[in-house]
Amino acid sequence: MRTAAHLDTVHLDTEACKGCNLCIDVCPNDLFQAATPQTPPNAQGFLPVHMRWPEYCINCLRCVKVCPDDAFVAPEDPPGNLNGHVFGVSLKWHRFWSGGKTP
């Protein structure tokens, strides 16, 4: 796992990402989105996932642990993120009331 002292939340290195999409299924806040045909390939020619709403990352590090390509950089001492937890609860309620659909 790569770490950085200056980070507050997990950071996706799109140049290292090979687009396996494993992070999509493990993120409790649904922060990752699969590449689309419009996604530009990285220098290796892969279509990386997109980390939408990185400010709502709760630093659970599930994406970091599941990534076979070490494409994430994590904070050295991951702080809690209250905004991320509130977002996660809101997302769960939204899915509950809308029949499981993601916004």
PDB file of N, CA and C in Angstrom:
ATOM      1  N   MET A   1       0.846  -1.175   0.000  1.00  0.00           N
ATOM      2  CA  MET A   1       0.000   0.000   0.000  1.00  0.00           C
ATOM      3  C   MET A   1       0.889   1.235   0.000  1.00  0.00           C
ATOM      4  N   ARG A   2       0.641   2.126  -0.933  1.00  0.00           N
ATOM      5  CA  ARG A   2       1.373   3.391  -0.979  1.00  0.00           C
ATOM      6  C   ARG A   2       0.676   4.392  -0.077  1.00  0.00           C
ATOM      7  N   THR A   3       1.464   5.163   0.679  1.00  0.00           N
ATOM      8  CA  THR A   3       0.885   6.159   1.575  1.00  0.00           C
ATOM      9  C   THR A   3       1.503   7.522   1.313  1.00  0.00           C
ATOM     10  N   ALA A   4       0.787   8.554   1.718  1.00  0.00           N
ATOM     11  CA  ALA A   4       1.268   9.927   1.580  1.00  0.00           C
ATOM     12  C   ALA A   4       0.801  10.739   2.779  1.00  0.00           C
ATOM     13  N   ALA A   5       1.729  11.460   3.360  1.00  0.00           N
ATOM     14  CA  ALA A   5       1.423  12.251   4.557  1.00  0.00           C
ATOM     15  C   ALA A   5       0.469  13.405   4.274  1.00  0.00           C
ATOM     16  N   HIS A   6       0.473  13.952   3.063  1.00  0.00           N
ATOM     17  CA  HIS A   6      -0.316  15.145   2.761  1.00  0.00           C
ATOM     18  C   HIS A   6      -1.772  14.857   2.397  1.00  0.00           C
ATOM     19  N   LEU A   7      -2.168  13.609   2.275  1.00  0.00           N
ATOM     20  CA  LEU A   7      -3.532  13.282   1.855  1.00  0.00           C
ATOM     21  C   LEU A   7      -4.485  13.173   3.033  1.00  0.00           C
ATOM     22  N   ASP A   8      -5.737  13.601   2.808  1.00  0.00           N
ATOM     23  CA  ASP A   8      -6.796  13.432   3.806  1.00  0.00           C
ATOM     24  C   ASP A   8      -7.658  12.218   3.490  1.00  0.00           C
ATOM     25  N   THR A   9      -7.776  11.883   2.196  1.00  0.00           N
ATOM     26  CA  THR A   9      -8.561  10.726   1.779  1.00  0.00           C
ATOM     27  C   THR A   9      -7.782   9.942   0.736  1.00  0.00           C
ATOM     28  N   VAL A  10      -8.291   8.777   0.419  1.00  0.00           N
ATOM     29  CA  VAL A  10      -7.680   7.906  -0.582  1.00  0.00           C
ATOM     30  C   VAL A  10      -7.662   8.611  -1.936  1.00  0.00           C
ATOM     31  N   HIS A  11      -6.596   8.406  -2.687  1.00  0.00           N
ATOM     32  CA  HIS A  11      -6.441   9.011  -4.012  1.00  0.00           C
ATOM     33  C   HIS A  11      -6.240   7.894  -5.031  1.00  0.00           C
ATOM     34  N   LEU A  12      -6.945   7.958  -6.142  1.00  0.00           N
ATOM     35  CA  LEU A  12      -6.794   6.995  -7.230  1.00  0.00           C
ATOM     36  C   LEU A  12      -5.761   7.503  -8.217  1.00  0.00           C
ATOM     37  N   ASP A  13      -4.747   6.705  -8.470  1.00  0.00           N
ATOM     38  CA  ASP A  13      -3.732   7.021  -9.478  1.00  0.00           C
ATOM     39  C   ASP A  13      -4.214   6.411 -10.791  1.00  0.00           C
ATOM     40  N   THR A  14      -4.837   7.208 -11.640  1.00  0.00           N
ATOM     41  CA  THR A  14      -5.435   6.689 -12.875  1.00  0.00           C
ATOM     42  C   THR A  14      -4.388   6.117 -13.827  1.00  0.00           C
ATOM     43  N   GLU A  15      -3.145   6.534 -13.708  1.00  0.00           N
ATOM     44  CA  GLU A  15      -2.096   5.981 -14.567  1.00  0.00           C
ATOM     45  C   GLU A  15      -1.728   4.551 -14.173  1.00  0.00           C
ATOM     46  N   ALA A  16      -1.974   4.189 -12.929  1.00  0.00           N
ATOM     47  CA  ALA A  16      -1.676   2.828 -12.469  1.00  0.00           C
ATOM     48  C   ALA A  16      -2.886   1.900 -12.585  1.00  0.00           C
ATOM     49  N   CYS A  17      -4.077   2.477 -12.757  1.00  0.00           N
ATOM     50  CA  CYS A  17      -5.317   1.702 -12.808  1.00  0.00           C
ATOM     51  C   CYS A  17      -5.435   0.961 -14.136  1.00  0.00           C
ATOM     52  N   LYS A  18      -5.783  -0.340 -14.061  1.00  0.00           N
ATOM     53  CA  LYS A  18      -5.983  -1.139 -15.266  1.00  0.00           C
ATOM     54  C   LYS A  18      -7.456  -1.403 -15.544  1.00  0.00           C
ATOM     55  N   GLY A  19      -8.335  -0.756 -14.768  1.00  0.00           N
ATOM     56  CA  GLY A  19      -9.768  -0.856 -15.040  1.00  0.00           C
ATOM     57  C   GLY A  19     -10.379  -2.200 -14.689  1.00  0.00           C
ATOM     58  N   CYS A  20      -9.894  -2.871 -13.660  1.00  0.00           N
ATOM     59  CA  CYS A  20     -10.469  -4.167 -13.278  1.00  0.00           C
ATOM     60  C   CYS A  20     -11.839  -4.014 -12.616  1.00  0.00           C
ATOM     61  N   ASN A  21     -12.143  -2.818 -12.105  1.00  0.00           N
ATOM     62  CA  ASN A  21     -13.438  -2.478 -11.500  1.00  0.00           C
ATOM     63  C   ASN A  21     -13.719  -3.148 -10.159  1.00  0.00           C
ATOM     64  N   LEU A  22     -12.731  -3.770  -9.533  1.00  0.00           N
ATOM     65  CA  LEU A  22     -12.951  -4.404  -8.236  1.00  0.00           C
ATOM     66  C   LEU A  22     -13.320  -3.382  -7.165  1.00  0.00           C
ATOM     67  N   CYS A  23     -12.798  -2.186  -7.266  1.00  0.00           N
ATOM     68  CA  CYS A  23     -13.084  -1.145  -6.274  1.00  0.00           C
ATOM     69  C   CYS A  23     -14.546  -0.716  -6.301  1.00  0.00           C
ATOM     70  N   ILE A  24     -15.195  -0.848  -7.440  1.00  0.00           N
ATOM     71  CA  ILE A  24     -16.592  -0.435  -7.570  1.00  0.00           C
ATOM     72  C   ILE A  24     -17.468  -1.219  -6.605  1.00  0.00           C
ATOM     73  N   ASP A  25     -17.222  -2.510  -6.495  1.00  0.00           N
ATOM     74  CA  ASP A  25     -18.073  -3.367  -5.678  1.00  0.00           C
ATOM     75  C   ASP A  25     -17.803  -3.270  -4.184  1.00  0.00           C
ATOM     76  N   VAL A  26     -16.631  -2.805  -3.778  1.00  0.00           N
ATOM     77  CA  VAL A  26     -16.310  -2.791  -2.348  1.00  0.00           C
ATOM     78  C   VAL A  26     -16.521  -1.447  -1.675  1.00  0.00           C
ATOM     79  N   CYS A  27     -16.706  -0.392  -2.433  1.00  0.00           N
ATOM     80  CA  CYS A  27     -16.841   0.940  -1.847  1.00  0.00           C
ATOM     81  C   CYS A  27     -18.228   1.123  -1.227  1.00  0.00           C
ATOM     82  N   PRO A  28     -18.291   1.371   0.095  1.00  0.00           N
ATOM     83  CA  PRO A  28     -19.597   1.528   0.728  1.00  0.00           C
ATOM     84  C   PRO A  28     -20.334   2.803   0.308  1.00  0.00           C
ATOM     85  N   ASN A  29     -19.609   3.794  -0.212  1.00  0.00           N
ATOM     86  CA  ASN A  29     -20.244   5.044  -0.633  1.00  0.00           C
ATOM     87  C   ASN A  29     -20.400   5.156  -2.142  1.00  0.00           C
ATOM     88  N   ASP A  30     -20.179   4.059  -2.859  1.00  0.00           N
ATOM     89  CA  ASP A  30     -20.396   4.025  -4.309  1.00  0.00           C
ATOM     90  C   ASP A  30     -19.659   5.166  -5.015  1.00  0.00           C
ATOM     91  N   LEU A  31     -18.383   5.342  -4.646  1.00  0.00           N
ATOM     92  CA  LEU A  31     -17.620   6.473  -5.180  1.00  0.00           C
ATOM     93  C   LEU A  31     -16.985   6.205  -6.537  1.00  0.00           C
ATOM     94  N   PHE A  32     -16.981   4.959  -6.978  1.00  0.00           N
ATOM     95  CA  PHE A  32     -16.297   4.624  -8.224  1.00  0.00           C
ATOM     96  C   PHE A  32     -17.275   4.306  -9.335  1.00  0.00           C
ATOM     97  N   GLN A  33     -16.895   4.702 -10.533  1.00  0.00           N
ATOM     98  CA  GLN A  33     -17.731   4.498 -11.711  1.00  0.00           C
ATOM     99  C   GLN A  33     -16.856   3.854 -12.785  1.00  0.00           C
ATOM    100  N   ALA A  34     -17.396   2.839 -13.453  1.00  0.00           N
ATOM    101  CA  ALA A  34     -16.663   2.170 -14.523  1.00  0.00           C
ATOM    102  C   ALA A  34     -16.404   3.132 -15.675  1.00  0.00           C
ATOM    103  N   ALA A  35     -15.356   2.839 -16.399  1.00  0.00           N
ATOM    104  CA  ALA A  35     -15.017   3.652 -17.571  1.00  0.00           C
ATOM    105  C   ALA A  35     -16.141   3.561 -18.599  1.00  0.00           C
ATOM    106  N   THR A  36     -16.296   4.628 -19.341  1.00  0.00           N
ATOM    107  CA  THR A  36     -17.271   4.667 -20.434  1.00  0.00           C
ATOM    108  C   THR A  36     -16.487   4.726 -21.748  1.00  0.00           C
ATOM    109  N   PRO A  37     -17.158   4.580 -22.870  1.00  0.00           N
ATOM    110  CA  PRO A  37     -16.446   4.703 -24.151  1.00  0.00           C
ATOM    111  C   PRO A  37     -15.770   6.071 -24.329  1.00  0.00           C
ATOM    112  N   GLN A  38     -16.247   7.082 -23.602  1.00  0.00           N
ATOM    113  CA  GLN A  38     -15.649   8.413 -23.701  1.00  0.00           C
ATOM    114  C   GLN A  38     -14.433   8.586 -22.779  1.00  0.00           C
ATOM    115  N   THR A  39     -14.186   7.619 -21.890  1.00  0.00           N
ATOM    116  CA  THR A  39     -13.057   7.715 -20.970  1.00  0.00           C
ATOM    117  C   THR A  39     -11.753   7.622 -21.741  1.00  0.00           C
ATOM    118  N   PRO A  40     -10.879   8.599 -21.571  1.00  0.00           N
ATOM    119  CA  PRO A  40      -9.595   8.513 -22.267  1.00  0.00           C
ATOM    120  C   PRO A  40      -8.704   7.450 -21.616  1.00  0.00           C
ATOM    121  N   PRO A  41      -7.997   6.669 -22.409  1.00  0.00           N
ATOM    122  CA  PRO A  41      -7.107   5.662 -21.835  1.00  0.00           C
ATOM    123  C   PRO A  41      -5.916   6.327 -21.143  1.00  0.00           C
ATOM    124  N   ASN A  42      -5.362   5.618 -20.158  1.00  0.00           N
ATOM    125  CA  ASN A  42      -4.157   6.135 -19.507  1.00  0.00           C
ATOM    126  C   ASN A  42      -2.940   5.812 -20.375  1.00  0.00           C
ATOM    127  N   ALA A  43      -1.760   6.138 -19.918  1.00  0.00           N
ATOM    128  CA  ALA A  43      -0.535   5.948 -20.710  1.00  0.00           C
ATOM    129  C   ALA A  43      -0.292   4.483 -21.061  1.00  0.00           C
ATOM    130  N   GLN A  44      -0.828   3.563 -20.231  1.00  0.00           N
ATOM    131  CA  GLN A  44      -0.657   2.131 -20.496  1.00  0.00           C
ATOM    132  C   GLN A  44      -1.696   1.602 -21.483  1.00  0.00           C
ATOM    133  N   GLY A  45      -2.678   2.440 -21.837  1.00  0.00           N
ATOM    134  CA  GLY A  45      -3.723   2.035 -22.762  1.00  0.00           C
ATOM    135  C   GLY A  45      -4.952   1.459 -22.089  1.00  0.00           C
ATOM    136  N   PHE A  46      -5.006   1.488 -20.745  1.00  0.00           N
ATOM    137  CA  PHE A  46      -6.155   0.971 -20.012  1.00  0.00           C
ATOM    138  C   PHE A  46      -7.177   2.075 -19.763  1.00  0.00           C
ATOM    139  N   LEU A  47      -8.420   1.683 -19.576  1.00  0.00           N
ATOM    140  CA  LEU A  47      -9.484   2.626 -19.249  1.00  0.00           C
ATOM    141  C   LEU A  47      -9.697   2.586 -17.731  1.00  0.00           C
ATOM    142  N   PRO A  48      -9.195   3.578 -17.023  1.00  0.00           N
ATOM    143  CA  PRO A  48      -9.293   3.563 -15.560  1.00  0.00           C
ATOM    144  C   PRO A  48     -10.694   3.881 -15.070  1.00  0.00           C
ATOM    145  N   VAL A  49     -10.996   3.408 -13.867  1.00  0.00           N
ATOM    146  CA  VAL A  49     -12.258   3.778 -13.234  1.00  0.00           C
ATOM    147  C   VAL A  49     -12.197   5.257 -12.889  1.00  0.00           C
ATOM    148  N   HIS A  50     -13.346   5.820 -12.614  1.00  0.00           N
ATOM    149  CA  HIS A  50     -13.436   7.231 -12.238  1.00  0.00           C
ATOM    150  C   HIS A  50     -13.863   7.299 -10.783  1.00  0.00           C
ATOM    151  N   MET A  51     -13.135   8.063  -9.981  1.00  0.00           N
ATOM    152  CA  MET A  51     -13.518   8.258  -8.584  1.00  0.00           C
ATOM    153  C   MET A  51     -14.347   9.532  -8.512  1.00  0.00           C
ATOM    154  N   ARG A  52     -15.664   9.360  -8.455  1.00  0.00           N
ATOM    155  CA  ARG A  52     -16.545  10.512  -8.348  1.00  0.00           C
ATOM    156  C   ARG A  52     -16.726  10.845  -6.865  1.00  0.00           C
ATOM    157  N   TRP A  53     -16.879  12.048  -6.542  1.00  0.00           N
ATOM    158  CA  TRP A  53     -17.077  12.525  -5.177  1.00  0.00           C
ATOM    159  C   TRP A  53     -15.969  12.076  -4.222  1.00  0.00           C
ATOM    160  N   PRO A  54     -14.703  12.283  -4.525  1.00  0.00           N
ATOM    161  CA  PRO A  54     -13.628  11.841  -3.612  1.00  0.00           C
ATOM    162  C   PRO A  54     -13.717  12.487  -2.238  1.00  0.00           C
ATOM    163  N   GLU A  55     -14.379  13.621  -2.157  1.00  0.00           N
ATOM    164  CA  GLU A  55     -14.516  14.295  -0.862  1.00  0.00           C
ATOM    165  C   GLU A  55     -15.397  13.510   0.111  1.00  0.00           C
ATOM    166  N   TYR A  56     -16.110  12.499  -0.370  1.00  0.00           N
ATOM    167  CA  TYR A  56     -16.962  11.689   0.496  1.00  0.00           C
ATOM    168  C   TYR A  56     -16.344  10.333   0.842  1.00  0.00           C
ATOM    169  N   CYS A  57     -15.071  10.177   0.572  1.00  0.00           N
ATOM    170  CA  CYS A  57     -14.350   8.955   0.943  1.00  0.00           C
ATOM    171  C   CYS A  57     -14.269   8.883   2.469  1.00  0.00           C
ATOM    172  N   ILE A  58     -14.590   7.721   3.037  1.00  0.00           N
ATOM    173  CA  ILE A  58     -14.546   7.566   4.497  1.00  0.00           C
ATOM    174  C   ILE A  58     -13.257   6.891   4.964  1.00  0.00           C
ATOM    175  N   ASN A  59     -12.329   6.661   4.059  1.00  0.00           N
ATOM    176  CA  ASN A  59     -11.039   6.051   4.387  1.00  0.00           C
ATOM    177  C   ASN A  59     -11.170   4.659   4.991  1.00  0.00           C
ATOM    178  N   CYS A  60     -12.112   3.881   4.482  1.00  0.00           N
ATOM    179  CA  CYS A  60     -12.249   2.504   4.947  1.00  0.00           C
ATOM    180  C   CYS A  60     -11.129   1.631   4.383  1.00  0.00           C
ATOM    181  N   LEU A  61     -10.502   2.095   3.308  1.00  0.00           N
ATOM    182  CA  LEU A  61      -9.362   1.448   2.642  1.00  0.00           C
ATOM    183  C   LEU A  61      -9.715   0.125   1.968  1.00  0.00           C
ATOM    184  N   ARG A  62     -10.990  -0.147   1.761  1.00  0.00           N
ATOM    185  CA  ARG A  62     -11.382  -1.373   1.064  1.00  0.00           C
ATOM    186  C   ARG A  62     -10.863  -1.382  -0.368  1.00  0.00           C
ATOM    187  N   CYS A  63     -10.947  -0.242  -1.028  1.00  0.00           N
ATOM    188  CA  CYS A  63     -10.461  -0.148  -2.413  1.00  0.00           C
ATOM    189  C   CYS A  63      -8.949  -0.393  -2.465  1.00  0.00           C
ATOM    190  N   VAL A  64      -8.241   0.145  -1.501  1.00  0.00           N
ATOM    191  CA  VAL A  64      -6.790  -0.008  -1.445  1.00  0.00           C
ATOM    192  C   VAL A  64      -6.427  -1.480  -1.289  1.00  0.00           C
ATOM    193  N   LYS A  65      -7.155  -2.180  -0.427  1.00  0.00           N
ATOM    194  CA  LYS A  65      -6.859  -3.585  -0.144  1.00  0.00           C
ATOM    195  C   LYS A  65      -7.216  -4.511  -1.307  1.00  0.00           C
ATOM    196  N   VAL A  66      -8.270  -4.185  -2.055  1.00  0.00           N
ATOM    197  CA  VAL A  66      -8.728  -5.072  -3.124  1.00  0.00           C
ATOM    198  C   VAL A  66      -7.980  -4.841  -4.447  1.00  0.00           C
ATOM    199  N   CYS A  67      -7.334  -3.708  -4.601  1.00  0.00           N
ATOM    200  CA  CYS A  67      -6.705  -3.357  -5.887  1.00  0.00           C
ATOM    201  C   CYS A  67      -5.467  -4.216  -6.166  1.00  0.00           C
ATOM    202  N   PRO A  68      -5.501  -5.007  -7.242  1.00  0.00           N
ATOM    203  CA  PRO A  68      -4.346  -5.842  -7.573  1.00  0.00           C
ATOM    204  C   PRO A  68      -3.191  -5.054  -8.203  1.00  0.00           C
ATOM    205  N   ASP A  69      -3.447  -3.808  -8.580  1.00  0.00           N
ATOM    206  CA  ASP A  69      -2.439  -3.014  -9.283  1.00  0.00           C
ATOM    207  C   ASP A  69      -1.842  -1.899  -8.441  1.00  0.00           C
ATOM    208  N   ASP A  70      -2.177  -1.847  -7.161  1.00  0.00           N
ATOM    209  CA  ASP A  70      -1.650  -0.823  -6.261  1.00  0.00           C
ATOM    210  C   ASP A  70      -1.878   0.573  -6.850  1.00  0.00           C
ATOM    211  N   ALA A  71      -3.098   0.799  -7.334  1.00  0.00           N
ATOM    212  CA  ALA A  71      -3.428   2.055  -8.005  1.00  0.00           C
ATOM    213  C   ALA A  71      -3.945   3.136  -7.057  1.00  0.00           C
ATOM    214  N   PHE A  72      -3.898   2.876  -5.770  1.00  0.00           N
ATOM    215  CA  PHE A  72      -4.390   3.855  -4.805  1.00  0.00           C
ATOM    216  C   PHE A  72      -3.263   4.325  -3.902  1.00  0.00           C
ATOM    217  N   VAL A  73      -3.372   5.579  -3.497  1.00  0.00           N
ATOM    218  CA  VAL A  73      -2.471   6.146  -2.503  1.00  0.00           C
ATOM    219  C   VAL A  73      -3.356   6.513  -1.323  1.00  0.00           C
ATOM    220  N   ALA A  74      -2.985   6.036  -0.138  1.00  0.00           N
ATOM    221  CA  ALA A  74      -3.800   6.263   1.055  1.00  0.00           C
ATOM    222  C   ALA A  74      -3.095   7.223   1.999  1.00  0.00           C
ATOM    223  N   PRO A  75      -3.867   7.918   2.820  1.00  0.00           N
ATOM    224  CA  PRO A  75      -3.250   8.774   3.835  1.00  0.00           C
ATOM    225  C   PRO A  75      -2.438   7.918   4.807  1.00  0.00           C
ATOM    226  N   GLU A  76      -1.344   8.453   5.307  1.00  0.00           N
ATOM    227  CA  GLU A  76      -0.532   7.709   6.265  1.00  0.00           C
ATOM    228  C   GLU A  76      -1.327   7.376   7.513  1.00  0.00           C
ATOM    229  N   ASP A  77      -2.066   8.340   8.013  1.00  0.00           N
ATOM    230  CA  ASP A  77      -2.900   8.154   9.192  1.00  0.00           C
ATOM    231  C   ASP A  77      -4.306   8.589   8.807  1.00  0.00           C
ATOM    232  N   PRO A  78      -5.106   7.679   8.187  1.00  0.00           N
ATOM    233  CA  PRO A  78      -6.401   8.075   7.641  1.00  0.00           C
ATOM    234  C   PRO A  78      -7.347   8.642   8.694  1.00  0.00           C
ATOM    235  N   PRO A  79      -7.732   9.910   8.547  1.00  0.00           N
ATOM    236  CA  PRO A  79      -8.684  10.498   9.483  1.00  0.00           C
ATOM    237  C   PRO A  79     -10.105  10.058   9.141  1.00  0.00           C
ATOM    238  N   GLY A  80     -10.990  10.165  10.101  1.00  0.00           N
ATOM    239  CA  GLY A  80     -12.406   9.927   9.814  1.00  0.00           C
ATOM    240  C   GLY A  80     -12.925  11.076   8.973  1.00  0.00           C
ATOM    241  N   ASN A  81     -13.966  10.842   8.247  1.00  0.00           N
ATOM    242  CA  ASN A  81     -14.539  11.883   7.389  1.00  0.00           C
ATOM    243  C   ASN A  81     -16.045  11.940   7.660  1.00  0.00           C
ATOM    244  N   LEU A  82     -16.442  12.845   8.523  1.00  0.00           N
ATOM    245  CA  LEU A  82     -17.851  12.963   8.897  1.00  0.00           C
ATOM    246  C   LEU A  82     -18.735  13.212   7.684  1.00  0.00           C
ATOM    247  N   ASN A  83     -18.290  14.060   6.759  1.00  0.00           N
ATOM    248  CA  ASN A  83     -19.081  14.321   5.547  1.00  0.00           C
ATOM    249  C   ASN A  83     -19.291  13.047   4.745  1.00  0.00           C
ATOM    250  N   GLY A  84     -18.274  12.205   4.690  1.00  0.00           N
ATOM    251  CA  GLY A  84     -18.387  10.935   3.977  1.00  0.00           C
ATOM    252  C   GLY A  84     -19.385  10.005   4.632  1.00  0.00           C
ATOM    253  N   HIS A  85     -19.395   9.966   5.961  1.00  0.00           N
ATOM    254  CA  HIS A  85     -20.346   9.115   6.671  1.00  0.00           C
ATOM    255  C   HIS A  85     -21.784   9.615   6.492  1.00  0.00           C
ATOM    256  N   VAL A  86     -21.968  10.920   6.539  1.00  0.00           N
ATOM    257  CA  VAL A  86     -23.307  11.496   6.311  1.00  0.00           C
ATOM    258  C   VAL A  86     -23.752  11.190   4.887  1.00  0.00           C
ATOM    259  N   PHE A  87     -22.855  11.332   3.931  1.00  0.00           N
ATOM    260  CA  PHE A  87     -23.170  11.019   2.536  1.00  0.00           C
ATOM    261  C   PHE A  87     -23.580   9.552   2.407  1.00  0.00           C
ATOM    262  N   GLY A  88     -22.837   8.651   3.065  1.00  0.00           N
ATOM    263  CA  GLY A  88     -23.151   7.226   2.991  1.00  0.00           C
ATOM    264  C   GLY A  88     -24.532   6.904   3.531  1.00  0.00           C
ATOM    265  N   VAL A  89     -24.891   7.498   4.648  1.00  0.00           N
ATOM    266  CA  VAL A  89     -26.227   7.283   5.223  1.00  0.00           C
ATOM    267  C   VAL A  89     -27.294   7.835   4.285  1.00  0.00           C
ATOM    268  N   SER A  90     -27.050   9.005   3.734  1.00  0.00           N
ATOM    269  CA  SER A  90     -27.989   9.607   2.792  1.00  0.00           C
ATOM    270  C   SER A  90     -28.165   8.721   1.560  1.00  0.00           C
ATOM    271  N   LEU A  91     -27.062   8.172   1.062  1.00  0.00           N
ATOM    272  CA  LEU A  91     -27.117   7.295  -0.104  1.00  0.00           C
ATOM    273  C   LEU A  91     -27.946   6.051   0.194  1.00  0.00           C
ATOM    274  N   LYS A  92     -27.746   5.469   1.359  1.00  0.00           N
ATOM    275  CA  LYS A  92     -28.512   4.275   1.739  1.00  0.00           C
ATOM    276  C   LYS A  92     -30.009   4.589   1.827  1.00  0.00           C
ATOM    277  N   TRP A  93     -30.362   5.732   2.423  1.00  0.00           N
ATOM    278  CA  TRP A  93     -31.771   6.117   2.506  1.00  0.00           C
ATOM    279  C   TRP A  93     -32.339   6.378   1.113  1.00  0.00           C
ATOM    280  N   HIS A  94     -31.584   7.014   0.263  1.00  0.00           N
ATOM    281  CA  HIS A  94     -32.046   7.277  -1.092  1.00  0.00           C
ATOM    282  C   HIS A  94     -32.337   5.965  -1.822  1.00  0.00           C
ATOM    283  N   ARG A  95     -31.424   5.004  -1.684  1.00  0.00           N
ATOM    284  CA  ARG A  95     -31.631   3.707  -2.333  1.00  0.00           C
ATOM    285  C   ARG A  95     -32.856   2.996  -1.761  1.00  0.00           C
ATOM    286  N   PHE A  96     -33.030   3.080  -0.456  1.00  0.00           N
ATOM    287  CA  PHE A  96     -34.172   2.439   0.189  1.00  0.00           C
ATOM    288  C   PHE A  96     -35.485   2.997  -0.354  1.00  0.00           C
ATOM    289  N   TRP A  97     -35.578   4.319  -0.422  1.00  0.00           N
ATOM    290  CA  TRP A  97     -36.817   4.954  -0.835  1.00  0.00           C
ATOM    291  C   TRP A  97     -37.045   4.922  -2.340  1.00  0.00           C
ATOM    292  N   SER A  98     -35.978   4.723  -3.104  1.00  0.00           N
ATOM    293  CA  SER A  98     -36.149   4.693  -4.575  1.00  0.00           C
ATOM    294  C   SER A  98     -36.107   3.276  -5.138  1.00  0.00           C
ATOM    295  N   GLY A  99     -36.161   2.289  -4.284  1.00  0.00           N
ATOM    296  CA  GLY A  99     -36.188   0.915  -4.771  1.00  0.00           C
ATOM    297  C   GLY A  99     -34.829   0.378  -5.164  1.00  0.00           C
ATOM    298  N   GLY A 100     -33.752   0.915  -4.610  1.00  0.00           N
ATOM    299  CA  GLY A 100     -32.412   0.394  -4.858  1.00  0.00           C
ATOM    300  C   GLY A 100     -31.653   1.061  -5.986  1.00  0.00           C
ATOM    301  N   LYS A 101     -32.212   2.082  -6.581  1.00  0.00           N
ATOM    302  CA  LYS A 101     -31.537   2.761  -7.679  1.00  0.00           C
ATOM    303  C   LYS A 101     -30.468   3.706  -7.162  1.00  0.00           C
ATOM    304  N   THR A 102     -29.346   3.756  -7.852  1.00  0.00           N
ATOM    305  CA  THR A 102     -28.255   4.653  -7.504  1.00  0.00           C
ATOM    306  C   THR A 102     -28.452   5.981  -8.224  1.00  0.00           C
ATOM    307  N   PRO A 103     -28.199   7.102  -7.519  1.00  0.00           N
ATOM    308  CA  PRO A 103     -28.380   8.401  -8.170  1.00  0.00           C
ATOM    309  C   PRO A 103     -27.433   8.597  -9.320  1.00  0.00           C
TER     310      PRO A 103
END
